Amino acid sequence: SRTPTIDWTRCDGHGLCAQLLPGTT
């Protein structure tokens, strides 16, 4: 299986992932 990880140098805090990934805050 594969899991999502975040590249913090690219993340701008849009928050879309929190809407798409269950359990993400």
PDBML (XML) file of the C-alpha atoms, coordinates in Angstrom:
<?xml version="1.0" encoding="UTF-8" ?>
<PDBx:datablock datablockName="MODEL"
   xmlns:PDBx="http://pdbml.pdb.org/schema/pdbx-v50.xsd"
   xmlns:xsi="http://www.w3.org/2001/XMLSchema-instance"
   xsi:schemaLocation="http://pdbml.pdb.org/schema/pdbx-v50.xsd pdbx-v50.xsd">
   <PDBx:atom_siteCategory>
      <PDBx:atom_site id="1">
         <PDBx:B_iso_or_equiv>0.00</PDBx:B_iso_or_equiv>
         <PDBx:Cartn_x>0.000</PDBx:Cartn_x>
         <PDBx:Cartn_y>0.000</PDBx:Cartn_y>
         <PDBx:Cartn_z>0.000</PDBx:Cartn_z>
         <PDBx:auth_asym_id>A</PDBx:auth_asym_id>
         <PDBx:auth_atom_id>CA</PDBx:auth_atom_id>
         <PDBx:auth_comp_id>SER</PDBx:auth_comp_id>
         <PDBx:auth_seq_id>1</PDBx:auth_seq_id>
         <PDBx:group_PDB>ATOM</PDBx:group_PDB>
         <PDBx:label_alt_id xsi:nil="true" />
         <PDBx:label_asym_id>A</PDBx:label_asym_id>
         <PDBx:label_atom_id>CA</PDBx:label_atom_id>
         <PDBx:label_comp_id>SER</PDBx:label_comp_id>
         <PDBx:label_entity_id>1</PDBx:label_entity_id>
         <PDBx:label_seq_id>1</PDBx:label_seq_id>
         <PDBx:occupancy>1.00</PDBx:occupancy>
         <PDBx:pdbx_PDB_model_num>1</PDBx:pdbx_PDB_model_num>
         <PDBx:type_symbol>C</PDBx:type_symbol>
      </PDBx:atom_site>
      <PDBx:atom_site id="2">
         <PDBx:B_iso_or_equiv>0.00</PDBx:B_iso_or_equiv>
         <PDBx:Cartn_x>0.935</PDBx:Cartn_x>
         <PDBx:Cartn_y>3.626</PDBx:Cartn_y>
         <PDBx:Cartn_z>-0.437</PDBx:Cartn_z>
         <PDBx:auth_asym_id>A</PDBx:auth_asym_id>
         <PDBx:auth_atom_id>CA</PDBx:auth_atom_id>
         <PDBx:auth_comp_id>ARG</PDBx:auth_comp_id>
         <PDBx:auth_seq_id>2</PDBx:auth_seq_id>
         <PDBx:group_PDB>ATOM</PDBx:group_PDB>
         <PDBx:label_alt_id xsi:nil="true" />
         <PDBx:label_asym_id>A</PDBx:label_asym_id>
         <PDBx:label_atom_id>CA</PDBx:label_atom_id>
         <PDBx:label_comp_id>ARG</PDBx:label_comp_id>
         <PDBx:label_entity_id>1</PDBx:label_entity_id>
         <PDBx:label_seq_id>2</PDBx:label_seq_id>
         <PDBx:occupancy>1.00</PDBx:occupancy>
         <PDBx:pdbx_PDB_model_num>1</PDBx:pdbx_PDB_model_num>
         <PDBx:type_symbol>C</PDBx:type_symbol>
      </PDBx:atom_site>
      <PDBx:atom_site id="3">
         <PDBx:B_iso_or_equiv>0.00</PDBx:B_iso_or_equiv>
         <PDBx:Cartn_x>0.269</PDBx:Cartn_x>
         <PDBx:Cartn_y>6.496</PDBx:Cartn_y>
         <PDBx:Cartn_z>1.935</PDBx:Cartn_z>
         <PDBx:auth_asym_id>A</PDBx:auth_asym_id>
         <PDBx:auth_atom_id>CA</PDBx:auth_atom_id>
         <PDBx:auth_comp_id>THR</PDBx:auth_comp_id>
         <PDBx:auth_seq_id>3</PDBx:auth_seq_id>
         <PDBx:group_PDB>ATOM</PDBx:group_PDB>
         <PDBx:label_alt_id xsi:nil="true" />
         <PDBx:label_asym_id>A</PDBx:label_asym_id>
         <PDBx:label_atom_id>CA</PDBx:label_atom_id>
         <PDBx:label_comp_id>THR</PDBx:label_comp_id>
         <PDBx:label_entity_id>1</PDBx:label_entity_id>
         <PDBx:label_seq_id>3</PDBx:label_seq_id>
         <PDBx:occupancy>1.00</PDBx:occupancy>
         <PDBx:pdbx_PDB_model_num>1</PDBx:pdbx_PDB_model_num>
         <PDBx:type_symbol>C</PDBx:type_symbol>
      </PDBx:atom_site>
      <PDBx:atom_site id="4">
         <PDBx:B_iso_or_equiv>0.00</PDBx:B_iso_or_equiv>
         <PDBx:Cartn_x>0.118</PDBx:Cartn_x>
         <PDBx:Cartn_y>10.267</PDBx:Cartn_y>
         <PDBx:Cartn_z>1.394</PDBx:Cartn_z>
         <PDBx:auth_asym_id>A</PDBx:auth_asym_id>
         <PDBx:auth_atom_id>CA</PDBx:auth_atom_id>
         <PDBx:auth_comp_id>PRO</PDBx:auth_comp_id>
         <PDBx:auth_seq_id>4</PDBx:auth_seq_id>
         <PDBx:group_PDB>ATOM</PDBx:group_PDB>
         <PDBx:label_alt_id xsi:nil="true" />
         <PDBx:label_asym_id>A</PDBx:label_asym_id>
         <PDBx:label_atom_id>CA</PDBx:label_atom_id>
         <PDBx:label_comp_id>PRO</PDBx:label_comp_id>
         <PDBx:label_entity_id>1</PDBx:label_entity_id>
         <PDBx:label_seq_id>4</PDBx:label_seq_id>
         <PDBx:occupancy>1.00</PDBx:occupancy>
         <PDBx:pdbx_PDB_model_num>1</PDBx:pdbx_PDB_model_num>
         <PDBx:type_symbol>C</PDBx:type_symbol>
      </PDBx:atom_site>
      <PDBx:atom_site id="5">
         <PDBx:B_iso_or_equiv>0.00</PDBx:B_iso_or_equiv>
         <PDBx:Cartn_x>2.997</PDBx:Cartn_x>
         <PDBx:Cartn_y>12.443</PDBx:Cartn_y>
         <PDBx:Cartn_z>2.562</PDBx:Cartn_z>
         <PDBx:auth_asym_id>A</PDBx:auth_asym_id>
         <PDBx:auth_atom_id>CA</PDBx:auth_atom_id>
         <PDBx:auth_comp_id>THR</PDBx:auth_comp_id>
         <PDBx:auth_seq_id>5</PDBx:auth_seq_id>
         <PDBx:group_PDB>ATOM</PDBx:group_PDB>
         <PDBx:label_alt_id xsi:nil="true" />
         <PDBx:label_asym_id>A</PDBx:label_asym_id>
         <PDBx:label_atom_id>CA</PDBx:label_atom_id>
         <PDBx:label_comp_id>THR</PDBx:label_comp_id>
         <PDBx:label_entity_id>1</PDBx:label_entity_id>
         <PDBx:label_seq_id>5</PDBx:label_seq_id>
         <PDBx:occupancy>1.00</PDBx:occupancy>
         <PDBx:pdbx_PDB_model_num>1</PDBx:pdbx_PDB_model_num>
         <PDBx:type_symbol>C</PDBx:type_symbol>
      </PDBx:atom_site>
      <PDBx:atom_site id="6">
         <PDBx:B_iso_or_equiv>0.00</PDBx:B_iso_or_equiv>
         <PDBx:Cartn_x>3.404</PDBx:Cartn_x>
         <PDBx:Cartn_y>16.211</PDBx:Cartn_y>
         <PDBx:Cartn_z>2.474</PDBx:Cartn_z>
         <PDBx:auth_asym_id>A</PDBx:auth_asym_id>
         <PDBx:auth_atom_id>CA</PDBx:auth_atom_id>
         <PDBx:auth_comp_id>ILE</PDBx:auth_comp_id>
         <PDBx:auth_seq_id>6</PDBx:auth_seq_id>
         <PDBx:group_PDB>ATOM</PDBx:group_PDB>
         <PDBx:label_alt_id xsi:nil="true" />
         <PDBx:label_asym_id>A</PDBx:label_asym_id>
         <PDBx:label_atom_id>CA</PDBx:label_atom_id>
         <PDBx:label_comp_id>ILE</PDBx:label_comp_id>
         <PDBx:label_entity_id>1</PDBx:label_entity_id>
         <PDBx:label_seq_id>6</PDBx:label_seq_id>
         <PDBx:occupancy>1.00</PDBx:occupancy>
         <PDBx:pdbx_PDB_model_num>1</PDBx:pdbx_PDB_model_num>
         <PDBx:type_symbol>C</PDBx:type_symbol>
      </PDBx:atom_site>
      <PDBx:atom_site id="7">
         <PDBx:B_iso_or_equiv>0.00</PDBx:B_iso_or_equiv>
         <PDBx:Cartn_x>6.256</PDBx:Cartn_x>
         <PDBx:Cartn_y>18.146</PDBx:Cartn_y>
         <PDBx:Cartn_z>0.894</PDBx:Cartn_z>
         <PDBx:auth_asym_id>A</PDBx:auth_asym_id>
         <PDBx:auth_atom_id>CA</PDBx:auth_atom_id>
         <PDBx:auth_comp_id>ASP</PDBx:auth_comp_id>
         <PDBx:auth_seq_id>7</PDBx:auth_seq_id>
         <PDBx:group_PDB>ATOM</PDBx:group_PDB>
         <PDBx:label_alt_id xsi:nil="true" />
         <PDBx:label_asym_id>A</PDBx:label_asym_id>
         <PDBx:label_atom_id>CA</PDBx:label_atom_id>
         <PDBx:label_comp_id>ASP</PDBx:label_comp_id>
         <PDBx:label_entity_id>1</PDBx:label_entity_id>
         <PDBx:label_seq_id>7</PDBx:label_seq_id>
         <PDBx:occupancy>1.00</PDBx:occupancy>
         <PDBx:pdbx_PDB_model_num>1</PDBx:pdbx_PDB_model_num>
         <PDBx:type_symbol>C</PDBx:type_symbol>
      </PDBx:atom_site>
      <PDBx:atom_site id="8">
         <PDBx:B_iso_or_equiv>0.00</PDBx:B_iso_or_equiv>
         <PDBx:Cartn_x>6.316</PDBx:Cartn_x>
         <PDBx:Cartn_y>21.036</PDBx:Cartn_y>
         <PDBx:Cartn_z>3.392</PDBx:Cartn_z>
         <PDBx:auth_asym_id>A</PDBx:auth_asym_id>
         <PDBx:auth_atom_id>CA</PDBx:auth_atom_id>
         <PDBx:auth_comp_id>TRP</PDBx:auth_comp_id>
         <PDBx:auth_seq_id>8</PDBx:auth_seq_id>
         <PDBx:group_PDB>ATOM</PDBx:group_PDB>
         <PDBx:label_alt_id xsi:nil="true" />
         <PDBx:label_asym_id>A</PDBx:label_asym_id>
         <PDBx:label_atom_id>CA</PDBx:label_atom_id>
         <PDBx:label_comp_id>TRP</PDBx:label_comp_id>
         <PDBx:label_entity_id>1</PDBx:label_entity_id>
         <PDBx:label_seq_id>8</PDBx:label_seq_id>
         <PDBx:occupancy>1.00</PDBx:occupancy>
         <PDBx:pdbx_PDB_model_num>1</PDBx:pdbx_PDB_model_num>
         <PDBx:type_symbol>C</PDBx:type_symbol>
      </PDBx:atom_site>
      <PDBx:atom_site id="9">
         <PDBx:B_iso_or_equiv>0.00</PDBx:B_iso_or_equiv>
         <PDBx:Cartn_x>8.422</PDBx:Cartn_x>
         <PDBx:Cartn_y>23.221</PDBx:Cartn_y>
         <PDBx:Cartn_z>1.095</PDBx:Cartn_z>
         <PDBx:auth_asym_id>A</PDBx:auth_asym_id>
         <PDBx:auth_atom_id>CA</PDBx:auth_atom_id>
         <PDBx:auth_comp_id>THR</PDBx:auth_comp_id>
         <PDBx:auth_seq_id>9</PDBx:auth_seq_id>
         <PDBx:group_PDB>ATOM</PDBx:group_PDB>
         <PDBx:label_alt_id xsi:nil="true" />
         <PDBx:label_asym_id>A</PDBx:label_asym_id>
         <PDBx:label_atom_id>CA</PDBx:label_atom_id>
         <PDBx:label_comp_id>THR</PDBx:label_comp_id>
         <PDBx:label_entity_id>1</PDBx:label_entity_id>
         <PDBx:label_seq_id>9</PDBx:label_seq_id>
         <PDBx:occupancy>1.00</PDBx:occupancy>
         <PDBx:pdbx_PDB_model_num>1</PDBx:pdbx_PDB_model_num>
         <PDBx:type_symbol>C</PDBx:type_symbol>
      </PDBx:atom_site>
      <PDBx:atom_site id="10">
         <PDBx:B_iso_or_equiv>0.00</PDBx:B_iso_or_equiv>
         <PDBx:Cartn_x>5.556</PDBx:Cartn_x>
         <PDBx:Cartn_y>23.227</PDBx:Cartn_y>
         <PDBx:Cartn_z>-1.425</PDBx:Cartn_z>
         <PDBx:auth_asym_id>A</PDBx:auth_asym_id>
         <PDBx:auth_atom_id>CA</PDBx:auth_atom_id>
         <PDBx:auth_comp_id>ARG</PDBx:auth_comp_id>
         <PDBx:auth_seq_id>10</PDBx:auth_seq_id>
         <PDBx:group_PDB>ATOM</PDBx:group_PDB>
         <PDBx:label_alt_id xsi:nil="true" />
         <PDBx:label_asym_id>A</PDBx:label_asym_id>
         <PDBx:label_atom_id>CA</PDBx:label_atom_id>
         <PDBx:label_comp_id>ARG</PDBx:label_comp_id>
         <PDBx:label_entity_id>1</PDBx:label_entity_id>
         <PDBx:label_seq_id>10</PDBx:label_seq_id>
         <PDBx:occupancy>1.00</PDBx:occupancy>
         <PDBx:pdbx_PDB_model_num>1</PDBx:pdbx_PDB_model_num>
         <PDBx:type_symbol>C</PDBx:type_symbol>
      </PDBx:atom_site>
      <PDBx:atom_site id="11">
         <PDBx:B_iso_or_equiv>0.00</PDBx:B_iso_or_equiv>
         <PDBx:Cartn_x>2.492</PDBx:Cartn_x>
         <PDBx:Cartn_y>23.305</PDBx:Cartn_y>
         <PDBx:Cartn_z>0.855</PDBx:Cartn_z>
         <PDBx:auth_asym_id>A</PDBx:auth_asym_id>
         <PDBx:auth_atom_id>CA</PDBx:auth_atom_id>
         <PDBx:auth_comp_id>CYS</PDBx:auth_comp_id>
         <PDBx:auth_seq_id>11</PDBx:auth_seq_id>
         <PDBx:group_PDB>ATOM</PDBx:group_PDB>
         <PDBx:label_alt_id xsi:nil="true" />
         <PDBx:label_asym_id>A</PDBx:label_asym_id>
         <PDBx:label_atom_id>CA</PDBx:label_atom_id>
         <PDBx:label_comp_id>CYS</PDBx:label_comp_id>
         <PDBx:label_entity_id>1</PDBx:label_entity_id>
         <PDBx:label_seq_id>11</PDBx:label_seq_id>
         <PDBx:occupancy>1.00</PDBx:occupancy>
         <PDBx:pdbx_PDB_model_num>1</PDBx:pdbx_PDB_model_num>
         <PDBx:type_symbol>C</PDBx:type_symbol>
      </PDBx:atom_site>
      <PDBx:atom_site id="12">
         <PDBx:B_iso_or_equiv>0.00</PDBx:B_iso_or_equiv>
         <PDBx:Cartn_x>0.715</PDBx:Cartn_x>
         <PDBx:Cartn_y>26.677</PDBx:Cartn_y>
         <PDBx:Cartn_z>0.840</PDBx:Cartn_z>
         <PDBx:auth_asym_id>A</PDBx:auth_asym_id>
         <PDBx:auth_atom_id>CA</PDBx:auth_atom_id>
         <PDBx:auth_comp_id>ASP</PDBx:auth_comp_id>
         <PDBx:auth_seq_id>12</PDBx:auth_seq_id>
         <PDBx:group_PDB>ATOM</PDBx:group_PDB>
         <PDBx:label_alt_id xsi:nil="true" />
         <PDBx:label_asym_id>A</PDBx:label_asym_id>
         <PDBx:label_atom_id>CA</PDBx:label_atom_id>
         <PDBx:label_comp_id>ASP</PDBx:label_comp_id>
         <PDBx:label_entity_id>1</PDBx:label_entity_id>
         <PDBx:label_seq_id>12</PDBx:label_seq_id>
         <PDBx:occupancy>1.00</PDBx:occupancy>
         <PDBx:pdbx_PDB_model_num>1</PDBx:pdbx_PDB_model_num>
         <PDBx:type_symbol>C</PDBx:type_symbol>
      </PDBx:atom_site>
      <PDBx:atom_site id="13">
         <PDBx:B_iso_or_equiv>0.00</PDBx:B_iso_or_equiv>
         <PDBx:Cartn_x>-2.034</PDBx:Cartn_x>
         <PDBx:Cartn_y>25.732</PDBx:Cartn_y>
         <PDBx:Cartn_z>3.291</PDBx:Cartn_z>
         <PDBx:auth_asym_id>A</PDBx:auth_asym_id>
         <PDBx:auth_atom_id>CA</PDBx:auth_atom_id>
         <PDBx:auth_comp_id>GLY</PDBx:auth_comp_id>
         <PDBx:auth_seq_id>13</PDBx:auth_seq_id>
         <PDBx:group_PDB>ATOM</PDBx:group_PDB>
         <PDBx:label_alt_id xsi:nil="true" />
         <PDBx:label_asym_id>A</PDBx:label_asym_id>
         <PDBx:label_atom_id>CA</PDBx:label_atom_id>
         <PDBx:label_comp_id>GLY</PDBx:label_comp_id>
         <PDBx:label_entity_id>1</PDBx:label_entity_id>
         <PDBx:label_seq_id>13</PDBx:label_seq_id>
         <PDBx:occupancy>1.00</PDBx:occupancy>
         <PDBx:pdbx_PDB_model_num>1</PDBx:pdbx_PDB_model_num>
         <PDBx:type_symbol>C</PDBx:type_symbol>
      </PDBx:atom_site>
      <PDBx:atom_site id="14">
         <PDBx:B_iso_or_equiv>0.00</PDBx:B_iso_or_equiv>
         <PDBx:Cartn_x>-4.930</PDBx:Cartn_x>
         <PDBx:Cartn_y>25.747</PDBx:Cartn_y>
         <PDBx:Cartn_z>0.808</PDBx:Cartn_z>
         <PDBx:auth_asym_id>A</PDBx:auth_asym_id>
         <PDBx:auth_atom_id>CA</PDBx:auth_atom_id>
         <PDBx:auth_comp_id>HIS</PDBx:auth_comp_id>
         <PDBx:auth_seq_id>14</PDBx:auth_seq_id>
         <PDBx:group_PDB>ATOM</PDBx:group_PDB>
         <PDBx:label_alt_id xsi:nil="true" />
         <PDBx:label_asym_id>A</PDBx:label_asym_id>
         <PDBx:label_atom_id>CA</PDBx:label_atom_id>
         <PDBx:label_comp_id>HIS</PDBx:label_comp_id>
         <PDBx:label_entity_id>1</PDBx:label_entity_id>
         <PDBx:label_seq_id>14</PDBx:label_seq_id>
         <PDBx:occupancy>1.00</PDBx:occupancy>
         <PDBx:pdbx_PDB_model_num>1</PDBx:pdbx_PDB_model_num>
         <PDBx:type_symbol>C</PDBx:type_symbol>
      </PDBx:atom_site>
      <PDBx:atom_site id="15">
         <PDBx:B_iso_or_equiv>0.00</PDBx:B_iso_or_equiv>
         <PDBx:Cartn_x>-6.711</PDBx:Cartn_x>
         <PDBx:Cartn_y>23.082</PDBx:Cartn_y>
         <PDBx:Cartn_z>2.878</PDBx:Cartn_z>
         <PDBx:auth_asym_id>A</PDBx:auth_asym_id>
         <PDBx:auth_atom_id>CA</PDBx:auth_atom_id>
         <PDBx:auth_comp_id>GLY</PDBx:auth_comp_id>
         <PDBx:auth_seq_id>15</PDBx:auth_seq_id>
         <PDBx:group_PDB>ATOM</PDBx:group_PDB>
         <PDBx:label_alt_id xsi:nil="true" />
         <PDBx:label_asym_id>A</PDBx:label_asym_id>
         <PDBx:label_atom_id>CA</PDBx:label_atom_id>
         <PDBx:label_comp_id>GLY</PDBx:label_comp_id>
         <PDBx:label_entity_id>1</PDBx:label_entity_id>
         <PDBx:label_seq_id>15</PDBx:label_seq_id>
         <PDBx:occupancy>1.00</PDBx:occupancy>
         <PDBx:pdbx_PDB_model_num>1</PDBx:pdbx_PDB_model_num>
         <PDBx:type_symbol>C</PDBx:type_symbol>
      </PDBx:atom_site>
      <PDBx:atom_site id="16">
         <PDBx:B_iso_or_equiv>0.00</PDBx:B_iso_or_equiv>
         <PDBx:Cartn_x>-8.136</PDBx:Cartn_x>
         <PDBx:Cartn_y>21.118</PDBx:Cartn_y>
         <PDBx:Cartn_z>-0.042</PDBx:Cartn_z>
         <PDBx:auth_asym_id>A</PDBx:auth_asym_id>
         <PDBx:auth_atom_id>CA</PDBx:auth_atom_id>
         <PDBx:auth_comp_id>LEU</PDBx:auth_comp_id>
         <PDBx:auth_seq_id>16</PDBx:auth_seq_id>
         <PDBx:group_PDB>ATOM</PDBx:group_PDB>
         <PDBx:label_alt_id xsi:nil="true" />
         <PDBx:label_asym_id>A</PDBx:label_asym_id>
         <PDBx:label_atom_id>CA</PDBx:label_atom_id>
         <PDBx:label_comp_id>LEU</PDBx:label_comp_id>
         <PDBx:label_entity_id>1</PDBx:label_entity_id>
         <PDBx:label_seq_id>16</PDBx:label_seq_id>
         <PDBx:occupancy>1.00</PDBx:occupancy>
         <PDBx:pdbx_PDB_model_num>1</PDBx:pdbx_PDB_model_num>
         <PDBx:type_symbol>C</PDBx:type_symbol>
      </PDBx:atom_site>
      <PDBx:atom_site id="17">
         <PDBx:B_iso_or_equiv>0.00</PDBx:B_iso_or_equiv>
         <PDBx:Cartn_x>-6.524</PDBx:Cartn_x>
         <PDBx:Cartn_y>17.913</PDBx:Cartn_y>
         <PDBx:Cartn_z>1.210</PDBx:Cartn_z>
         <PDBx:auth_asym_id>A</PDBx:auth_asym_id>
         <PDBx:auth_atom_id>CA</PDBx:auth_atom_id>
         <PDBx:auth_comp_id>CYS</PDBx:auth_comp_id>
         <PDBx:auth_seq_id>17</PDBx:auth_seq_id>
         <PDBx:group_PDB>ATOM</PDBx:group_PDB>
         <PDBx:label_alt_id xsi:nil="true" />
         <PDBx:label_asym_id>A</PDBx:label_asym_id>
         <PDBx:label_atom_id>CA</PDBx:label_atom_id>
         <PDBx:label_comp_id>CYS</PDBx:label_comp_id>
         <PDBx:label_entity_id>1</PDBx:label_entity_id>
         <PDBx:label_seq_id>17</PDBx:label_seq_id>
         <PDBx:occupancy>1.00</PDBx:occupancy>
         <PDBx:pdbx_PDB_model_num>1</PDBx:pdbx_PDB_model_num>
         <PDBx:type_symbol>C</PDBx:type_symbol>
      </PDBx:atom_site>
      <PDBx:atom_site id="18">
         <PDBx:B_iso_or_equiv>0.00</PDBx:B_iso_or_equiv>
         <PDBx:Cartn_x>-8.492</PDBx:Cartn_x>
         <PDBx:Cartn_y>18.164</PDBx:Cartn_y>
         <PDBx:Cartn_z>4.451</PDBx:Cartn_z>
         <PDBx:auth_asym_id>A</PDBx:auth_asym_id>
         <PDBx:auth_atom_id>CA</PDBx:auth_atom_id>
         <PDBx:auth_comp_id>ALA</PDBx:auth_comp_id>
         <PDBx:auth_seq_id>18</PDBx:auth_seq_id>
         <PDBx:group_PDB>ATOM</PDBx:group_PDB>
         <PDBx:label_alt_id xsi:nil="true" />
         <PDBx:label_asym_id>A</PDBx:label_asym_id>
         <PDBx:label_atom_id>CA</PDBx:label_atom_id>
         <PDBx:label_comp_id>ALA</PDBx:label_comp_id>
         <PDBx:label_entity_id>1</PDBx:label_entity_id>
         <PDBx:label_seq_id>18</PDBx:label_seq_id>
         <PDBx:occupancy>1.00</PDBx:occupancy>
         <PDBx:pdbx_PDB_model_num>1</PDBx:pdbx_PDB_model_num>
         <PDBx:type_symbol>C</PDBx:type_symbol>
      </PDBx:atom_site>
      <PDBx:atom_site id="19">
         <PDBx:B_iso_or_equiv>0.00</PDBx:B_iso_or_equiv>
         <PDBx:Cartn_x>-11.673</PDBx:Cartn_x>
         <PDBx:Cartn_y>18.049</PDBx:Cartn_y>
         <PDBx:Cartn_z>2.397</PDBx:Cartn_z>
         <PDBx:auth_asym_id>A</PDBx:auth_asym_id>
         <PDBx:auth_atom_id>CA</PDBx:auth_atom_id>
         <PDBx:auth_comp_id>GLN</PDBx:auth_comp_id>
         <PDBx:auth_seq_id>19</PDBx:auth_seq_id>
         <PDBx:group_PDB>ATOM</PDBx:group_PDB>
         <PDBx:label_alt_id xsi:nil="true" />
         <PDBx:label_asym_id>A</PDBx:label_asym_id>
         <PDBx:label_atom_id>CA</PDBx:label_atom_id>
         <PDBx:label_comp_id>GLN</PDBx:label_comp_id>
         <PDBx:label_entity_id>1</PDBx:label_entity_id>
         <PDBx:label_seq_id>19</PDBx:label_seq_id>
         <PDBx:occupancy>1.00</PDBx:occupancy>
         <PDBx:pdbx_PDB_model_num>1</PDBx:pdbx_PDB_model_num>
         <PDBx:type_symbol>C</PDBx:type_symbol>
      </PDBx:atom_site>
      <PDBx:atom_site id="20">
         <PDBx:B_iso_or_equiv>0.00</PDBx:B_iso_or_equiv>
         <PDBx:Cartn_x>-10.490</PDBx:Cartn_x>
         <PDBx:Cartn_y>15.106</PDBx:Cartn_y>
         <PDBx:Cartn_z>0.288</PDBx:Cartn_z>
         <PDBx:auth_asym_id>A</PDBx:auth_asym_id>
         <PDBx:auth_atom_id>CA</PDBx:auth_atom_id>
         <PDBx:auth_comp_id>LEU</PDBx:auth_comp_id>
         <PDBx:auth_seq_id>20</PDBx:auth_seq_id>
         <PDBx:group_PDB>ATOM</PDBx:group_PDB>
         <PDBx:label_alt_id xsi:nil="true" />
         <PDBx:label_asym_id>A</PDBx:label_asym_id>
         <PDBx:label_atom_id>CA</PDBx:label_atom_id>
         <PDBx:label_comp_id>LEU</PDBx:label_comp_id>
         <PDBx:label_entity_id>1</PDBx:label_entity_id>
         <PDBx:label_seq_id>20</PDBx:label_seq_id>
         <PDBx:occupancy>1.00</PDBx:occupancy>
         <PDBx:pdbx_PDB_model_num>1</PDBx:pdbx_PDB_model_num>
         <PDBx:type_symbol>C</PDBx:type_symbol>
      </PDBx:atom_site>
      <PDBx:atom_site id="21">
         <PDBx:B_iso_or_equiv>0.00</PDBx:B_iso_or_equiv>
         <PDBx:Cartn_x>-8.723</PDBx:Cartn_x>
         <PDBx:Cartn_y>12.928</PDBx:Cartn_y>
         <PDBx:Cartn_z>2.865</PDBx:Cartn_z>
         <PDBx:auth_asym_id>A</PDBx:auth_asym_id>
         <PDBx:auth_atom_id>CA</PDBx:auth_atom_id>
         <PDBx:auth_comp_id>LEU</PDBx:auth_comp_id>
         <PDBx:auth_seq_id>21</PDBx:auth_seq_id>
         <PDBx:group_PDB>ATOM</PDBx:group_PDB>
         <PDBx:label_alt_id xsi:nil="true" />
         <PDBx:label_asym_id>A</PDBx:label_asym_id>
         <PDBx:label_atom_id>CA</PDBx:label_atom_id>
         <PDBx:label_comp_id>LEU</PDBx:label_comp_id>
         <PDBx:label_entity_id>1</PDBx:label_entity_id>
         <PDBx:label_seq_id>21</PDBx:label_seq_id>
         <PDBx:occupancy>1.00</PDBx:occupancy>
         <PDBx:pdbx_PDB_model_num>1</PDBx:pdbx_PDB_model_num>
         <PDBx:type_symbol>C</PDBx:type_symbol>
      </PDBx:atom_site>
      <PDBx:atom_site id="22">
         <PDBx:B_iso_or_equiv>0.00</PDBx:B_iso_or_equiv>
         <PDBx:Cartn_x>-10.968</PDBx:Cartn_x>
         <PDBx:Cartn_y>11.517</PDBx:Cartn_y>
         <PDBx:Cartn_z>5.586</PDBx:Cartn_z>
         <PDBx:auth_asym_id>A</PDBx:auth_asym_id>
         <PDBx:auth_atom_id>CA</PDBx:auth_atom_id>
         <PDBx:auth_comp_id>PRO</PDBx:auth_comp_id>
         <PDBx:auth_seq_id>22</PDBx:auth_seq_id>
         <PDBx:group_PDB>ATOM</PDBx:group_PDB>
         <PDBx:label_alt_id xsi:nil="true" />
         <PDBx:label_asym_id>A</PDBx:label_asym_id>
         <PDBx:label_atom_id>CA</PDBx:label_atom_id>
         <PDBx:label_comp_id>PRO</PDBx:label_comp_id>
         <PDBx:label_entity_id>1</PDBx:label_entity_id>
         <PDBx:label_seq_id>22</PDBx:label_seq_id>
         <PDBx:occupancy>1.00</PDBx:occupancy>
         <PDBx:pdbx_PDB_model_num>1</PDBx:pdbx_PDB_model_num>
         <PDBx:type_symbol>C</PDBx:type_symbol>
      </PDBx:atom_site>
      <PDBx:atom_site id="23">
         <PDBx:B_iso_or_equiv>0.00</PDBx:B_iso_or_equiv>
         <PDBx:Cartn_x>-9.563</PDBx:Cartn_x>
         <PDBx:Cartn_y>12.151</PDBx:Cartn_y>
         <PDBx:Cartn_z>9.046</PDBx:Cartn_z>
         <PDBx:auth_asym_id>A</PDBx:auth_asym_id>
         <PDBx:auth_atom_id>CA</PDBx:auth_atom_id>
         <PDBx:auth_comp_id>GLY</PDBx:auth_comp_id>
         <PDBx:auth_seq_id>23</PDBx:auth_seq_id>
         <PDBx:group_PDB>ATOM</PDBx:group_PDB>
         <PDBx:label_alt_id xsi:nil="true" />
         <PDBx:label_asym_id>A</PDBx:label_asym_id>
         <PDBx:label_atom_id>CA</PDBx:label_atom_id>
         <PDBx:label_comp_id>GLY</PDBx:label_comp_id>
         <PDBx:label_entity_id>1</PDBx:label_entity_id>
         <PDBx:label_seq_id>23</PDBx:label_seq_id>
         <PDBx:occupancy>1.00</PDBx:occupancy>
         <PDBx:pdbx_PDB_model_num>1</PDBx:pdbx_PDB_model_num>
         <PDBx:type_symbol>C</PDBx:type_symbol>
      </PDBx:atom_site>
      <PDBx:atom_site id="24">
         <PDBx:B_iso_or_equiv>0.00</PDBx:B_iso_or_equiv>
         <PDBx:Cartn_x>-7.300</PDBx:Cartn_x>
         <PDBx:Cartn_y>14.997</PDBx:Cartn_y>
         <PDBx:Cartn_z>7.934</PDBx:Cartn_z>
         <PDBx:auth_asym_id>A</PDBx:auth_asym_id>
         <PDBx:auth_atom_id>CA</PDBx:auth_atom_id>
         <PDBx:auth_comp_id>THR</PDBx:auth_comp_id>
         <PDBx:auth_seq_id>24</PDBx:auth_seq_id>
         <PDBx:group_PDB>ATOM</PDBx:group_PDB>
         <PDBx:label_alt_id xsi:nil="true" />
         <PDBx:label_asym_id>A</PDBx:label_asym_id>
         <PDBx:label_atom_id>CA</PDBx:label_atom_id>
         <PDBx:label_comp_id>THR</PDBx:label_comp_id>
         <PDBx:label_entity_id>1</PDBx:label_entity_id>
         <PDBx:label_seq_id>24</PDBx:label_seq_id>
         <PDBx:occupancy>1.00</PDBx:occupancy>
         <PDBx:pdbx_PDB_model_num>1</PDBx:pdbx_PDB_model_num>
         <PDBx:type_symbol>C</PDBx:type_symbol>
      </PDBx:atom_site>
      <PDBx:atom_site id="25">
         <PDBx:B_iso_or_equiv>0.00</PDBx:B_iso_or_equiv>
         <PDBx:Cartn_x>-7.551</PDBx:Cartn_x>
         <PDBx:Cartn_y>18.182</PDBx:Cartn_y>
         <PDBx:Cartn_z>9.958</PDBx:Cartn_z>
         <PDBx:auth_asym_id>A</PDBx:auth_asym_id>
         <PDBx:auth_atom_id>CA</PDBx:auth_atom_id>
         <PDBx:auth_comp_id>THR</PDBx:auth_comp_id>
         <PDBx:auth_seq_id>25</PDBx:auth_seq_id>
         <PDBx:group_PDB>ATOM</PDBx:group_PDB>
         <PDBx:label_alt_id xsi:nil="true" />
         <PDBx:label_asym_id>A</PDBx:label_asym_id>
         <PDBx:label_atom_id>CA</PDBx:label_atom_id>
         <PDBx:label_comp_id>THR</PDBx:label_comp_id>
         <PDBx:label_entity_id>1</PDBx:label_entity_id>
         <PDBx:label_seq_id>25</PDBx:label_seq_id>
         <PDBx:occupancy>1.00</PDBx:occupancy>
         <PDBx:pdbx_PDB_model_num>1</PDBx:pdbx_PDB_model_num>
         <PDBx:type_symbol>C</PDBx:type_symbol>
      </PDBx:atom_site>
   </PDBx:atom_siteCategory>
</PDBx:datablock>
